[in-house]
């Protein structure tokens, strides 16, 4: 697991929590920010996954 995968998972989780808090508190701004943070985390995690796959292929 590389840094991008780990950071992406953390950001995705933080975004999910923030999004849920926004729904619970009826705060649309917080909900949107959480959704954005969640999606940024997904992109970063996917980038890390691709880096890891490429590294594995180059090691073969």
PDB file of N, CA and C in Angstrom:
ATOM      1  N   UNK A   1       0.856  -1.176   0.000  1.00  0.00           N
ATOM      2  CA  UNK A   1       0.000   0.000   0.000  1.00  0.00           C
ATOM      3  C   UNK A   1       0.898   1.234   0.000  1.00  0.00           C
ATOM      4  N   UNK A   2       0.595   2.178  -0.880  1.00  0.00           N
ATOM      5  CA  UNK A   2       1.399   3.387  -0.946  1.00  0.00           C
ATOM      6  C   UNK A   2       0.676   4.569  -0.291  1.00  0.00           C
ATOM      7  N   UNK A   3       1.380   5.693  -0.226  1.00  0.00           N
ATOM      8  CA  UNK A   3       0.840   6.875   0.458  1.00  0.00           C
ATOM      9  C   UNK A   3      -0.461   7.363  -0.165  1.00  0.00           C
ATOM     10  N   UNK A   4      -0.525   7.348  -1.484  1.00  0.00           N
ATOM     11  CA  UNK A   4      -1.734   7.837  -2.149  1.00  0.00           C
ATOM     12  C   UNK A   4      -2.951   6.973  -1.832  1.00  0.00           C
ATOM     13  N   UNK A   5      -2.751   5.677  -1.769  1.00  0.00           N
ATOM     14  CA  UNK A   5      -3.862   4.785  -1.421  1.00  0.00           C
ATOM     15  C   UNK A   5      -4.350   5.081  -0.002  1.00  0.00           C
ATOM     16  N   UNK A   6      -3.406   5.218   0.918  1.00  0.00           N
ATOM     17  CA  UNK A   6      -3.768   5.443   2.316  1.00  0.00           C
ATOM     18  C   UNK A   6      -4.430   6.813   2.513  1.00  0.00           C
ATOM     19  N   UNK A   7      -3.813   7.852   1.956  1.00  0.00           N
ATOM     20  CA  UNK A   7      -4.381   9.193   2.088  1.00  0.00           C
ATOM     21  C   UNK A   7      -5.756   9.268   1.427  1.00  0.00           C
ATOM     22  N   UNK A   8      -5.901   8.605   0.293  1.00  0.00           N
ATOM     23  CA  UNK A   8      -7.186   8.602  -0.395  1.00  0.00           C
ATOM     24  C   UNK A   8      -8.277   7.958   0.434  1.00  0.00           C
ATOM     25  N   UNK A   9      -7.946   6.851   1.063  1.00  0.00           N
ATOM     26  CA  UNK A   9      -8.941   6.171   1.916  1.00  0.00           C
ATOM     27  C   UNK A   9      -9.325   7.038   3.114  1.00  0.00           C
ATOM     28  N   UNK A  10      -8.336   7.713   3.692  1.00  0.00           N
ATOM     29  CA  UNK A  10      -8.616   8.587   4.837  1.00  0.00           C
ATOM     30  C   UNK A  10      -9.515   9.743   4.406  1.00  0.00           C
ATOM     31  N   UNK A  11      -9.188  10.390   3.290  1.00  0.00           N
ATOM     32  CA  UNK A  11      -9.999  11.512   2.811  1.00  0.00           C
ATOM     33  C   UNK A  11     -11.410  11.060   2.437  1.00  0.00           C
ATOM     34  N   UNK A  12     -11.507   9.890   1.832  1.00  0.00           N
ATOM     35  CA  UNK A  12     -12.823   9.363   1.468  1.00  0.00           C
ATOM     36  C   UNK A  12     -13.676   9.141   2.721  1.00  0.00           C
ATOM     37  N   UNK A  13     -13.075   8.585   3.745  1.00  0.00           N
ATOM     38  CA  UNK A  13     -13.797   8.336   4.994  1.00  0.00           C
ATOM     39  C   UNK A  13     -14.209   9.644   5.659  1.00  0.00           C
ATOM     40  N   UNK A  14     -13.275  10.601   5.712  1.00  0.00           N
ATOM     41  CA  UNK A  14     -13.602  11.900   6.309  1.00  0.00           C
ATOM     42  C   UNK A  14     -14.737  12.570   5.545  1.00  0.00           C
ATOM     43  N   UNK A  15     -14.719  12.448   4.224  1.00  0.00           N
ATOM     44  CA  UNK A  15     -15.789  13.023   3.410  1.00  0.00           C
ATOM     45  C   UNK A  15     -17.133  12.368   3.672  1.00  0.00           C
ATOM     46  N   UNK A  16     -17.128  11.048   3.830  1.00  0.00           N
ATOM     47  CA  UNK A  16     -18.377  10.340   4.131  1.00  0.00           C
ATOM     48  C   UNK A  16     -18.956  10.805   5.463  1.00  0.00           C
ATOM     49  N   UNK A  17     -18.080  10.967   6.451  1.00  0.00           N
ATOM     50  CA  UNK A  17     -18.539  11.412   7.777  1.00  0.00           C
ATOM     51  C   UNK A  17     -19.104  12.826   7.683  1.00  0.00           C
ATOM     52  N   UNK A  18     -18.381  13.699   6.975  1.00  0.00           N
ATOM     53  CA  UNK A  18     -18.832  15.086   6.842  1.00  0.00           C
ATOM     54  C   UNK A  18     -20.155  15.149   6.081  1.00  0.00           C
ATOM     55  N   UNK A  19     -20.284  14.338   5.044  1.00  0.00           N
ATOM     56  CA  UNK A  19     -21.516  14.302   4.268  1.00  0.00           C
ATOM     57  C   UNK A  19     -22.686  13.824   5.130  1.00  0.00           C
ATOM     58  N   UNK A  20     -22.469  12.776   5.907  1.00  0.00           N
ATOM     59  CA  UNK A  20     -23.520  12.258   6.787  1.00  0.00           C
ATOM     60  C   UNK A  20     -23.903  13.286   7.851  1.00  0.00           C
ATOM     61  N   UNK A  21     -22.901  13.987   8.380  1.00  0.00           N
ATOM     62  CA  UNK A  21     -23.188  15.026   9.376  1.00  0.00           C
ATOM     63  C   UNK A  21     -24.022  16.142   8.745  1.00  0.00           C
ATOM     64  N   UNK A  22     -23.713  16.473   7.502  1.00  0.00           N
ATOM     65  CA  UNK A  22     -24.496  17.496   6.808  1.00  0.00           C
ATOM     66  C   UNK A  22     -25.941  17.086   6.621  1.00  0.00           C
ATOM     67  N   UNK A  23     -26.163  15.823   6.302  1.00  0.00           N
ATOM     68  CA  UNK A  23     -27.535  15.315   6.154  1.00  0.00           C
ATOM     69  C   UNK A  23     -28.236  15.347   7.503  1.00  0.00           C
ATOM     70  N   UNK A  24     -27.541  14.878   8.524  1.00  0.00           N
ATOM     71  CA  UNK A  24     -28.133  14.806   9.864  1.00  0.00           C
ATOM     72  C   UNK A  24     -28.477  16.188  10.409  1.00  0.00           C
ATOM     73  N   UNK A  25     -27.588  17.150  10.172  1.00  0.00           N
ATOM     74  CA  UNK A  25     -27.792  18.501  10.690  1.00  0.00           C
ATOM     75  C   UNK A  25     -28.563  19.399   9.727  1.00  0.00           C
ATOM     76  N   UNK A  26     -28.957  18.835   8.594  1.00  0.00           N
ATOM     77  CA  UNK A  26     -29.660  19.584   7.555  1.00  0.00           C
ATOM     78  C   UNK A  26     -28.837  20.794   7.107  1.00  0.00           C
ATOM     79  N   UNK A  27     -27.529  20.564   6.922  1.00  0.00           N
ATOM     80  CA  UNK A  27     -26.594  21.594   6.483  1.00  0.00           C
ATOM     81  C   UNK A  27     -26.119  21.227   5.078  1.00  0.00           C
ATOM     82  N   UNK A  28     -26.755  21.830   4.088  1.00  0.00           N
ATOM     83  CA  UNK A  28     -26.478  21.478   2.698  1.00  0.00           C
ATOM     84  C   UNK A  28     -25.030  21.781   2.313  1.00  0.00           C
ATOM     85  N   UNK A  29     -24.469  22.856   2.824  1.00  0.00           N
ATOM     86  CA  UNK A  29     -23.087  23.209   2.524  1.00  0.00           C
ATOM     87  C   UNK A  29     -22.116  22.150   3.012  1.00  0.00           C
ATOM     88  N   UNK A  30     -22.322  21.684   4.229  1.00  0.00           N
ATOM     89  CA  UNK A  30     -21.461  20.644   4.788  1.00  0.00           C
ATOM     90  C   UNK A  30     -21.625  19.345   4.008  1.00  0.00           C
ATOM     91  N   UNK A  31     -22.833  19.059   3.613  1.00  0.00           N
ATOM     92  CA  UNK A  31     -23.103  17.846   2.843  1.00  0.00           C
ATOM     93  C   UNK A  31     -22.361  17.883   1.503  1.00  0.00           C
ATOM     94  N   UNK A  32     -22.403  19.024   0.830  1.00  0.00           N
ATOM     95  CA  UNK A  32     -21.726  19.176  -0.463  1.00  0.00           C
ATOM     96  C   UNK A  32     -20.219  19.080  -0.285  1.00  0.00           C
ATOM     97  N   UNK A  33     -19.677  19.753   0.744  1.00  0.00           N
ATOM     98  CA  UNK A  33     -18.236  19.694   0.998  1.00  0.00           C
ATOM     99  C   UNK A  33     -17.795  18.264   1.299  1.00  0.00           C
ATOM    100  N   UNK A  34     -18.599  17.543   2.048  1.00  0.00           N
ATOM    101  CA  UNK A  34     -18.291  16.153   2.346  1.00  0.00           C
ATOM    102  C   UNK A  34     -18.301  15.285   1.102  1.00  0.00           C
ATOM    103  N   UNK A  35     -19.265  15.530   0.246  1.00  0.00           N
ATOM    104  CA  UNK A  35     -19.359  14.779  -1.001  1.00  0.00           C
ATOM    105  C   UNK A  35     -18.133  15.042  -1.881  1.00  0.00           C
ATOM    106  N   UNK A  36     -17.726  16.295  -1.962  1.00  0.00           N
ATOM    107  CA  UNK A  36     -16.535  16.643  -2.746  1.00  0.00           C
ATOM    108  C   UNK A  36     -15.302  15.978  -2.151  1.00  0.00           C
ATOM    109  N   UNK A  37     -15.149  16.075  -0.834  1.00  0.00           N
ATOM    110  CA  UNK A  37     -13.992  15.479  -0.159  1.00  0.00           C
ATOM    111  C   UNK A  37     -13.965  13.962  -0.368  1.00  0.00           C
ATOM    112  N   UNK A  38     -15.120  13.344  -0.306  1.00  0.00           N
ATOM    113  CA  UNK A  38     -15.230  11.899  -0.526  1.00  0.00           C
ATOM    114  C   UNK A  38     -14.766  11.534  -1.929  1.00  0.00           C
ATOM    115  N   UNK A  39     -15.202  12.298  -2.912  1.00  0.00           N
ATOM    116  CA  UNK A  39     -14.845  12.004  -4.293  1.00  0.00           C
ATOM    117  C   UNK A  39     -13.377  12.291  -4.586  1.00  0.00           C
ATOM    118  N   UNK A  40     -12.819  13.322  -3.978  1.00  0.00           N
ATOM    119  CA  UNK A  40     -11.390  13.591  -4.123  1.00  0.00           C
ATOM    120  C   UNK A  40     -10.593  12.426  -3.534  1.00  0.00           C
ATOM    121  N   UNK A  41     -11.039  11.915  -2.409  1.00  0.00           N
ATOM    122  CA  UNK A  41     -10.385  10.763  -1.795  1.00  0.00           C
ATOM    123  C   UNK A  41     -10.439   9.534  -2.689  1.00  0.00           C
ATOM    124  N   UNK A  42     -11.574   9.328  -3.344  1.00  0.00           N
ATOM    125  CA  UNK A  42     -11.706   8.192  -4.265  1.00  0.00           C
ATOM    126  C   UNK A  42     -10.718   8.311  -5.423  1.00  0.00           C
ATOM    127  N   UNK A  43     -10.582   9.522  -5.961  1.00  0.00           N
ATOM    128  CA  UNK A  43      -9.659   9.742  -7.070  1.00  0.00           C
ATOM    129  C   UNK A  43      -8.225   9.484  -6.616  1.00  0.00           C
ATOM    130  N   UNK A  44      -7.873   9.999  -5.442  1.00  0.00           N
ATOM    131  CA  UNK A  44      -6.518   9.799  -4.941  1.00  0.00           C
ATOM    132  C   UNK A  44      -6.242   8.320  -4.682  1.00  0.00           C
ATOM    133  N   UNK A  45      -7.218   7.620  -4.132  1.00  0.00           N
ATOM    134  CA  UNK A  45      -7.070   6.185  -3.880  1.00  0.00           C
ATOM    135  C   UNK A  45      -6.900   5.432  -5.198  1.00  0.00           C
ATOM    136  N   UNK A  46      -7.675   5.780  -6.203  1.00  0.00           N
ATOM    137  CA  UNK A  46      -7.575   5.135  -7.508  1.00  0.00           C
ATOM    138  C   UNK A  46      -6.211   5.403  -8.134  1.00  0.00           C
ATOM    139  N   UNK A  47      -5.727   6.639  -8.000  1.00  0.00           N
ATOM    140  CA  UNK A  47      -4.394   6.968  -8.500  1.00  0.00           C
ATOM    141  C   UNK A  47      -3.346   6.102  -7.802  1.00  0.00           C
ATOM    142  N   UNK A  48      -3.461   5.950  -6.502  1.00  0.00           N
ATOM    143  CA  UNK A  48      -2.537   5.095  -5.759  1.00  0.00           C
ATOM    144  C   UNK A  48      -2.613   3.647  -6.201  1.00  0.00           C
ATOM    145  N   UNK A  49      -3.827   3.175  -6.468  1.00  0.00           N
ATOM    146  CA  UNK A  49      -4.006   1.805  -6.958  1.00  0.00           C
ATOM    147  C   UNK A  49      -3.308   1.625  -8.305  1.00  0.00           C
ATOM    148  N   UNK A  50      -3.453   2.605  -9.186  1.00  0.00           N
ATOM    149  CA  UNK A  50      -2.808   2.532 -10.497  1.00  0.00           C
ATOM    150  C   UNK A  50      -1.290   2.537 -10.369  1.00  0.00           C
ATOM    151  N   UNK A  51      -0.768   3.382  -9.476  1.00  0.00           N
ATOM    152  CA  UNK A  51       0.682   3.410  -9.248  1.00  0.00           C
ATOM    153  C   UNK A  51       1.173   2.060  -8.744  1.00  0.00           C
ATOM    154  N   UNK A  52       0.417   1.468  -7.836  1.00  0.00           N
ATOM    155  CA  UNK A  52       0.788   0.176  -7.265  1.00  0.00           C
ATOM    156  C   UNK A  52       0.762  -0.917  -8.345  1.00  0.00           C
ATOM    157  N   UNK A  53      -0.265  -0.900  -9.190  1.00  0.00           N
ATOM    158  CA  UNK A  53      -0.364  -1.877 -10.279  1.00  0.00           C
ATOM    159  C   UNK A  53       0.798  -1.728 -11.254  1.00  0.00           C
ATOM    160  N   UNK A  54       1.123  -0.489 -11.584  1.00  0.00           N
ATOM    161  CA  UNK A  54       2.231  -0.240 -12.502  1.00  0.00           C
ATOM    162  C   UNK A  54       3.546  -0.708 -11.895  1.00  0.00           C
ATOM    163  N   UNK A  55       3.737  -0.424 -10.635  1.00  0.00           N
ATOM    164  CA  UNK A  55       4.961  -0.866  -9.937  1.00  0.00           C
ATOM    165  C   UNK A  55       5.057  -2.390  -9.961  1.00  0.00           C
ATOM    166  N   UNK A  56       3.942  -3.058  -9.688  1.00  0.00           N
ATOM    167  CA  UNK A  56       3.929  -4.527  -9.698  1.00  0.00           C
ATOM    168  C   UNK A  56       4.264  -5.074 -11.083  1.00  0.00           C
ATOM    169  N   UNK A  57       3.725  -4.442 -12.118  1.00  0.00           N
ATOM    170  CA  UNK A  57       3.994  -4.910 -13.482  1.00  0.00           C
ATOM    171  C   UNK A  57       5.457  -4.684 -13.857  1.00  0.00           C
ATOM    172  N   UNK A  58       6.031  -3.573 -13.411  1.00  0.00           N
ATOM    173  CA  UNK A  58       7.418  -3.286 -13.736  1.00  0.00           C
ATOM    174  C   UNK A  58       8.376  -4.210 -12.971  1.00  0.00           C
ATOM    175  N   UNK A  59       7.954  -4.657 -11.792  1.00  0.00           N
ATOM    176  CA  UNK A  59       8.773  -5.569 -10.993  1.00  0.00           C
ATOM    177  C   UNK A  59       8.800  -6.979 -11.589  1.00  0.00           C
ATOM    178  N   UNK A  60       7.773  -7.318 -12.374  1.00  0.00           N
ATOM    179  CA  UNK A  60       7.698  -8.663 -12.989  1.00  0.00           C
ATOM    180  C   UNK A  60       8.650  -8.812 -14.110  1.00  0.00           C
TER     181      UNK A  60
END
